[in-house]
Amino acid sequence: MSRFNEHQKGLIAVFIAAILWSTGGIFIKLISLNSLQLAGLRSLFAALTFLIIFRKKVFKFNRFTFINGLFYAGILILFVIATKTTTAANAIFLQYTAPIYVLILEPILLKTYFERFNLITIVICFAGMVLFFMGELSPGHIQGNIVALLSGVAFAAFLLGMRKNKPEYQYPTIFVGNLIIAIICSFSFFDIKEFLVSDFIMVSFLGIFQIGIAYAIFSWGLKKVYAIEASMISMIEPVLNPVWVLIGYGEQPSNWAILGGIIILFGITFRTVILEKYISKRITDKVV
């Protein structure tokens, strides 16, 4: 008899995926390559990993596959640039503002109903965002923060685009997105003067495990758990990302950034839990 039931296996899978995602910040900081070189090589490894794992599934394309692939490319490239130019905490937490833009744009683009408690979430998260720009910031940090916000906008566009497309185009979109990144960044490869063994190991880890295998594990686990469980467990990524960077790189996020991150995570958690209760109540009322 298996030690864990299917639901528990799903929870463990989502947890492992979140842990793998959280390692992005520390390796991006440690790798000596510039942002485009790193992003391109990481995605090249990720695309090969997807091809090996999902095989024929990655070759099912439609119009939205390429549009969403471009949004995906924007997320990853902008996030790497942001992590290189501002603190890892700022980069990950500001990228996690994506749900704010989704809440604002979804009713407009997808014609969904705007729930009143969404406005509370937007106000809470916006307050958290403001805190990242308080205190003493160098010009580089300010630019990095802006790039991180743009990464969040690209993330929101990607989420909305994926909702518009059918589930069977999920794997091809990520595969195409990584290929787009590798192609866009390929010109920067010619400027690599020295490719250290340590850089190769870390870049390959990011592509194979932090993106490719992590996504495969998450997709498998998502089929066995509730959406709210996956959302809550995924919050491990922005929490642990700056922790690994602090331990392995010695980068200390500002107190304002920590407070802002806590507020953003609280806002997203608040909205997710409230929405789940609201949907459950609505379903129960219909049954009754």
Protein backbone atom coordinates (compact mmCIF):
# COMPACT_ATOMS: atom_id res chain seq x y z
CA MET A 1 0.00 0.00 0.00
CA SER A 2 1.26 3.44 -0.89
CA ARG A 3 2.33 5.58 2.04
CA PHE A 4 0.49 8.62 0.59
CA ASN A 5 -2.91 8.84 -1.09
CA GLU A 6 -3.33 10.64 -4.43
CA HIS A 7 -4.35 13.94 -2.86
CA GLN A 8 -1.32 13.93 -0.56
CA LYS A 9 0.96 13.12 -3.49
CA GLY A 10 -0.51 16.09 -5.32
CA LEU A 11 0.18 18.41 -2.38
CA ILE A 12 3.78 17.15 -2.16
CA ALA A 13 4.26 17.66 -5.92
CA VAL A 14 3.03 21.28 -5.80
CA PHE A 15 5.23 21.90 -2.74
CA ILE A 16 8.34 20.53 -4.52
CA ALA A 17 7.56 22.64 -7.60
CA ALA A 18 7.28 25.79 -5.46
CA ILE A 19 10.61 25.00 -3.79
CA LEU A 20 12.28 24.59 -7.18
CA TRP A 21 10.78 27.86 -8.46
CA SER A 22 12.06 29.67 -5.38
CA THR A 23 15.69 28.86 -6.28
CA GLY A 24 15.63 31.20 -9.27
CA GLY A 25 16.75 34.30 -7.38
CA ILE A 26 19.90 32.88 -5.80
CA PHE A 27 21.25 31.36 -9.03
CA ILE A 28 20.42 34.44 -11.10
CA LYS A 29 22.45 36.45 -8.59
CA LEU A 30 25.38 34.03 -8.57
CA ILE A 31 25.72 33.42 -12.32
CA SER A 32 28.26 35.77 -13.91
CA LEU A 33 26.48 35.95 -17.29
CA ASN A 34 24.46 39.05 -18.12
CA SER A 35 20.66 39.03 -18.04
CA LEU A 36 20.03 38.15 -21.70
CA GLN A 37 22.73 35.47 -21.82
CA LEU A 38 21.36 33.85 -18.69
CA ALA A 39 17.71 34.06 -19.77
CA GLY A 40 18.48 32.66 -23.23
CA LEU A 41 20.57 29.70 -22.09
CA ARG A 42 18.17 28.86 -19.25
CA SER A 43 15.24 28.76 -21.65
CA LEU A 44 17.21 26.69 -24.16
CA PHE A 45 17.70 24.04 -21.47
CA ALA A 46 14.04 24.40 -20.44
CA ALA A 47 12.78 23.92 -24.01
CA LEU A 48 14.87 20.75 -24.42
CA THR A 49 13.57 19.46 -21.08
CA PHE A 50 9.97 20.08 -22.18
CA LEU A 51 10.61 18.29 -25.46
CA ILE A 52 11.97 15.23 -23.62
CA ILE A 53 9.19 15.13 -21.01
CA PHE A 54 6.10 16.01 -23.08
CA ARG A 55 7.27 14.97 -26.56
CA LYS A 56 4.44 15.24 -29.13
CA LYS A 57 2.29 17.29 -26.76
CA VAL A 58 4.44 20.39 -27.31
CA PHE A 59 3.75 20.48 -31.07
CA LYS A 60 0.05 21.38 -30.92
CA PHE A 61 -0.18 25.04 -31.89
CA ASN A 62 -2.82 27.68 -32.49
CA ARG A 63 -2.79 31.48 -32.72
CA PHE A 64 -2.91 31.98 -28.94
CA THR A 65 0.02 29.61 -28.45
CA PHE A 66 2.39 32.13 -30.00
CA ILE A 67 0.73 35.21 -28.46
CA ASN A 68 0.86 33.69 -24.96
CA GLY A 69 4.37 32.44 -25.69
CA LEU A 70 5.43 36.07 -26.21
CA PHE A 71 3.85 37.07 -22.88
CA TYR A 72 5.69 34.17 -21.22
CA ALA A 73 8.95 35.33 -22.79
CA GLY A 74 8.32 38.80 -21.37
CA ILE A 75 7.82 37.40 -17.87
CA LEU A 76 11.09 35.46 -17.77
CA ILE A 77 13.34 37.98 -19.51
CA LEU A 78 12.06 40.91 -17.45
CA PHE A 79 12.30 38.91 -14.21
CA VAL A 80 15.95 38.02 -14.85
CA ILE A 81 16.76 41.66 -15.63
CA ALA A 82 14.92 42.80 -12.49
CA THR A 83 16.69 40.26 -10.27
CA LYS A 84 20.07 41.37 -11.65
CA THR A 85 19.35 45.08 -11.09
CA THR A 86 17.34 45.23 -7.87
CA THR A 87 17.04 42.96 -4.84
CA ALA A 88 15.64 39.48 -5.31
CA ALA A 89 12.87 40.29 -2.81
CA ASN A 90 11.78 43.32 -4.82
CA ALA A 91 11.88 41.37 -8.09
CA ILE A 92 9.78 38.42 -6.91
CA PHE A 93 7.23 40.34 -4.84
CA LEU A 94 6.65 42.99 -7.52
CA GLN A 95 6.23 40.22 -10.11
CA TYR A 96 3.60 38.73 -7.79
CA THR A 97 1.48 41.87 -8.25
CA ALA A 98 0.18 40.16 -11.41
CA PRO A 99 -3.18 39.23 -9.77
CA ILE A 100 -3.89 42.95 -9.33
CA TYR A 101 -3.76 43.55 -13.07
CA VAL A 102 -5.77 40.38 -13.70
CA LEU A 103 -8.52 41.61 -11.35
CA ILE A 104 -8.60 44.94 -13.18
CA LEU A 105 -8.35 43.66 -16.76
CA GLU A 106 -10.33 40.41 -16.59
CA PRO A 107 -13.78 42.06 -16.40
CA ILE A 108 -12.83 44.33 -19.31
CA LEU A 109 -11.19 41.77 -21.62
CA LEU A 110 -13.00 38.54 -20.71
CA LYS A 111 -16.33 40.17 -19.78
CA THR A 112 -16.44 38.61 -16.32
CA TYR A 113 -18.26 40.08 -13.31
CA PHE A 114 -16.20 42.41 -11.12
CA GLU A 115 -16.57 41.14 -7.54
CA ARG A 116 -16.66 43.92 -4.94
CA PHE A 117 -14.06 42.29 -2.71
CA ASN A 118 -11.62 42.45 -5.65
CA LEU A 119 -11.43 46.21 -5.09
CA ILE A 120 -10.29 45.58 -1.49
CA THR A 121 -7.56 43.27 -2.79
CA ILE A 122 -6.39 45.85 -5.34
CA VAL A 123 -6.16 48.58 -2.69
CA ILE A 124 -4.25 46.30 -0.27
CA CYS A 125 -1.76 45.14 -2.91
CA PHE A 126 -1.28 48.64 -4.31
CA ALA A 127 -0.38 49.84 -0.81
CA GLY A 128 2.21 47.05 -0.64
CA MET A 129 3.64 48.04 -4.03
CA VAL A 130 4.16 51.64 -2.92
CA LEU A 131 6.35 50.50 -0.02
CA PHE A 132 8.94 49.07 -2.44
CA PHE A 133 9.67 52.58 -3.65
CA MET A 134 10.10 54.10 -0.21
CA GLY A 135 13.37 54.71 1.62
CA GLU A 136 16.76 55.20 -0.02
CA LEU A 137 16.95 53.58 -3.43
CA SER A 138 19.73 53.81 -6.00
CA PRO A 139 18.74 54.59 -9.62
CA GLY A 140 19.52 50.96 -10.50
CA HIS A 141 17.12 49.68 -7.88
CA ILE A 142 14.37 52.00 -9.08
CA GLN A 143 14.83 50.80 -12.66
CA GLY A 144 14.89 47.20 -11.45
CA ASN A 145 11.66 47.74 -9.53
CA ILE A 146 9.98 49.17 -12.62
CA VAL A 147 11.17 46.20 -14.71
CA ALA A 148 9.82 43.83 -12.01
CA LEU A 149 6.43 45.59 -12.21
CA LEU A 150 6.48 45.14 -16.00
CA SER A 151 7.22 41.45 -15.42
CA GLY A 152 4.08 41.34 -13.31
CA VAL A 153 2.09 42.99 -16.12
CA ALA A 154 3.42 40.39 -18.59
CA PHE A 155 2.49 37.67 -16.07
CA ALA A 156 -1.06 39.03 -15.87
CA ALA A 157 -1.34 39.12 -19.67
CA PHE A 158 -0.06 35.53 -19.80
CA LEU A 159 -2.63 34.36 -17.23
CA LEU A 160 -5.49 36.04 -19.09
CA GLY A 161 -4.25 34.66 -22.40
CA MET A 162 -3.99 31.13 -21.03
CA ARG A 163 -7.57 31.34 -19.73
CA LYS A 164 -8.65 32.32 -23.23
CA ASN A 165 -6.97 29.26 -24.74
CA LYS A 166 -7.79 25.56 -24.37
CA PRO A 167 -5.95 23.38 -21.80
CA GLU A 168 -4.30 21.20 -24.44
CA TYR A 169 -2.25 24.20 -25.60
CA GLN A 170 -0.71 24.69 -22.14
CA TYR A 171 2.47 22.67 -22.71
CA PRO A 172 3.06 23.96 -26.26
CA THR A 173 2.75 27.56 -25.00
CA ILE A 174 5.50 27.10 -22.40
CA PHE A 175 7.65 25.24 -24.94
CA VAL A 176 7.20 27.97 -27.57
CA GLY A 177 7.76 30.68 -24.96
CA ASN A 178 11.13 29.22 -24.01
CA LEU A 179 12.11 28.90 -27.67
CA ILE A 180 11.18 32.55 -28.24
CA ILE A 181 13.39 33.57 -25.30
CA ALA A 182 16.31 31.49 -26.61
CA ILE A 183 15.94 33.06 -30.08
CA ILE A 184 15.56 36.64 -28.79
CA CYS A 185 18.59 36.30 -26.53
CA SER A 186 20.75 34.26 -28.92
CA PHE A 187 22.61 37.33 -30.23
CA SER A 188 23.99 37.89 -26.72
CA PHE A 189 25.68 34.48 -26.76
CA PHE A 190 28.41 35.83 -29.06
CA ASP A 191 29.48 38.25 -26.32
CA ILE A 192 30.22 35.46 -23.83
CA LYS A 193 33.95 35.75 -23.27
CA GLU A 194 34.26 33.10 -20.57
CA PHE A 195 31.69 30.43 -19.71
CA LEU A 196 32.64 29.08 -16.30
CA VAL A 197 31.85 25.48 -15.35
CA SER A 198 29.94 26.80 -12.34
CA ASP A 199 27.86 29.03 -14.62
CA PHE A 200 27.06 26.08 -16.89
CA ILE A 201 25.95 23.93 -13.94
CA MET A 202 23.75 26.68 -12.48
CA VAL A 203 22.18 27.68 -15.81
CA SER A 204 21.44 24.06 -16.67
CA PHE A 205 19.87 23.57 -13.21
CA LEU A 206 17.63 26.60 -13.77
CA GLY A 207 16.50 25.39 -17.18
CA ILE A 208 16.11 21.68 -16.40
CA PHE A 209 14.86 21.74 -12.81
CA GLN A 210 13.72 25.27 -11.89
CA ILE A 211 11.60 25.60 -15.05
CA GLY A 212 11.21 22.30 -16.93
CA ILE A 213 10.84 19.64 -14.25
CA ALA A 214 9.21 22.04 -11.77
CA TYR A 215 6.47 22.83 -14.28
CA ALA A 216 5.96 19.14 -15.09
CA ILE A 217 5.68 18.26 -11.39
CA PHE A 218 3.31 21.17 -10.74
CA SER A 219 1.06 20.20 -13.69
CA TRP A 220 0.88 16.62 -12.40
CA GLY A 221 0.13 17.71 -8.83
CA LEU A 222 -2.46 20.29 -9.90
CA LYS A 223 -4.68 17.50 -11.20
CA LYS A 224 -4.84 15.94 -7.72
CA VAL A 225 -5.42 18.98 -5.47
CA TYR A 226 -7.88 21.84 -5.18
CA ALA A 227 -6.98 25.09 -6.94
CA ILE A 228 -6.95 27.02 -3.65
CA GLU A 229 -4.48 24.51 -2.19
CA ALA A 230 -2.15 24.93 -5.16
CA SER A 231 -2.43 28.73 -4.90
CA MET A 232 -1.61 28.75 -1.21
CA ILE A 233 1.33 26.34 -1.52
CA SER A 234 2.71 28.32 -4.48
CA MET A 235 3.11 31.29 -2.12
CA ILE A 236 6.19 29.47 -0.83
CA GLU A 237 8.07 30.73 -3.90
CA PRO A 238 8.08 34.48 -3.13
CA VAL A 239 8.68 33.77 0.56
CA LEU A 240 11.71 31.49 0.09
CA ASN A 241 13.24 33.24 -2.94
CA PRO A 242 14.76 36.14 -0.92
CA VAL A 243 15.61 33.76 1.94
CA TRP A 244 17.87 31.66 -0.34
CA VAL A 245 19.45 34.87 -1.68
CA LEU A 246 20.08 36.13 1.86
CA ILE A 247 21.71 32.82 2.86
CA GLY A 248 23.72 32.20 -0.32
CA TYR A 249 24.42 35.73 -1.55
CA GLY A 250 24.14 37.89 1.56
CA GLU A 251 21.58 40.27 0.07
CA GLN A 252 19.37 41.83 2.73
CA PRO A 253 15.99 43.16 1.57
CA SER A 254 14.93 46.49 3.06
CA ASN A 255 12.38 46.61 5.87
CA TRP A 256 10.03 48.44 3.51
CA ALA A 257 10.33 45.63 0.96
CA ILE A 258 9.64 42.96 3.59
CA LEU A 259 6.56 44.84 4.80
CA GLY A 260 5.40 45.45 1.24
CA GLY A 261 5.84 41.76 0.38
CA ILE A 262 3.85 40.69 3.43
CA ILE A 263 1.03 43.07 2.50
CA ILE A 264 0.93 41.83 -1.12
CA LEU A 265 0.88 38.17 -0.06
CA PHE A 266 -1.82 38.97 2.50
CA GLY A 267 -3.92 40.68 -0.16
CA ILE A 268 -3.62 37.80 -2.62
CA THR A 269 -4.28 35.21 0.11
CA PHE A 270 -7.28 37.19 1.36
CA ARG A 271 -8.78 37.32 -2.10
CA THR A 272 -8.13 33.63 -2.82
CA VAL A 273 -9.67 32.40 0.45
CA ILE A 274 -12.67 34.76 0.26
CA LEU A 275 -13.32 33.84 -3.36
CA GLU A 276 -13.21 30.12 -2.56
CA LYS A 277 -15.73 30.58 0.26
CA TYR A 278 -17.93 32.72 -1.99
CA ILE A 279 -17.95 30.11 -4.78
CA SER A 280 -18.63 27.28 -2.30
CA LYS A 281 -21.55 29.21 -0.81
CA ARG A 282 -22.96 30.01 -4.24
CA ILE A 283 -22.79 26.34 -5.24
CA THR A 284 -24.43 25.29 -1.96
CA ASP A 285 -27.23 27.85 -2.39
CA LYS A 286 -27.94 26.56 -5.90
CA VAL A 287 -28.10 22.97 -4.68
CA VAL A 288 -30.45 23.94 -1.83
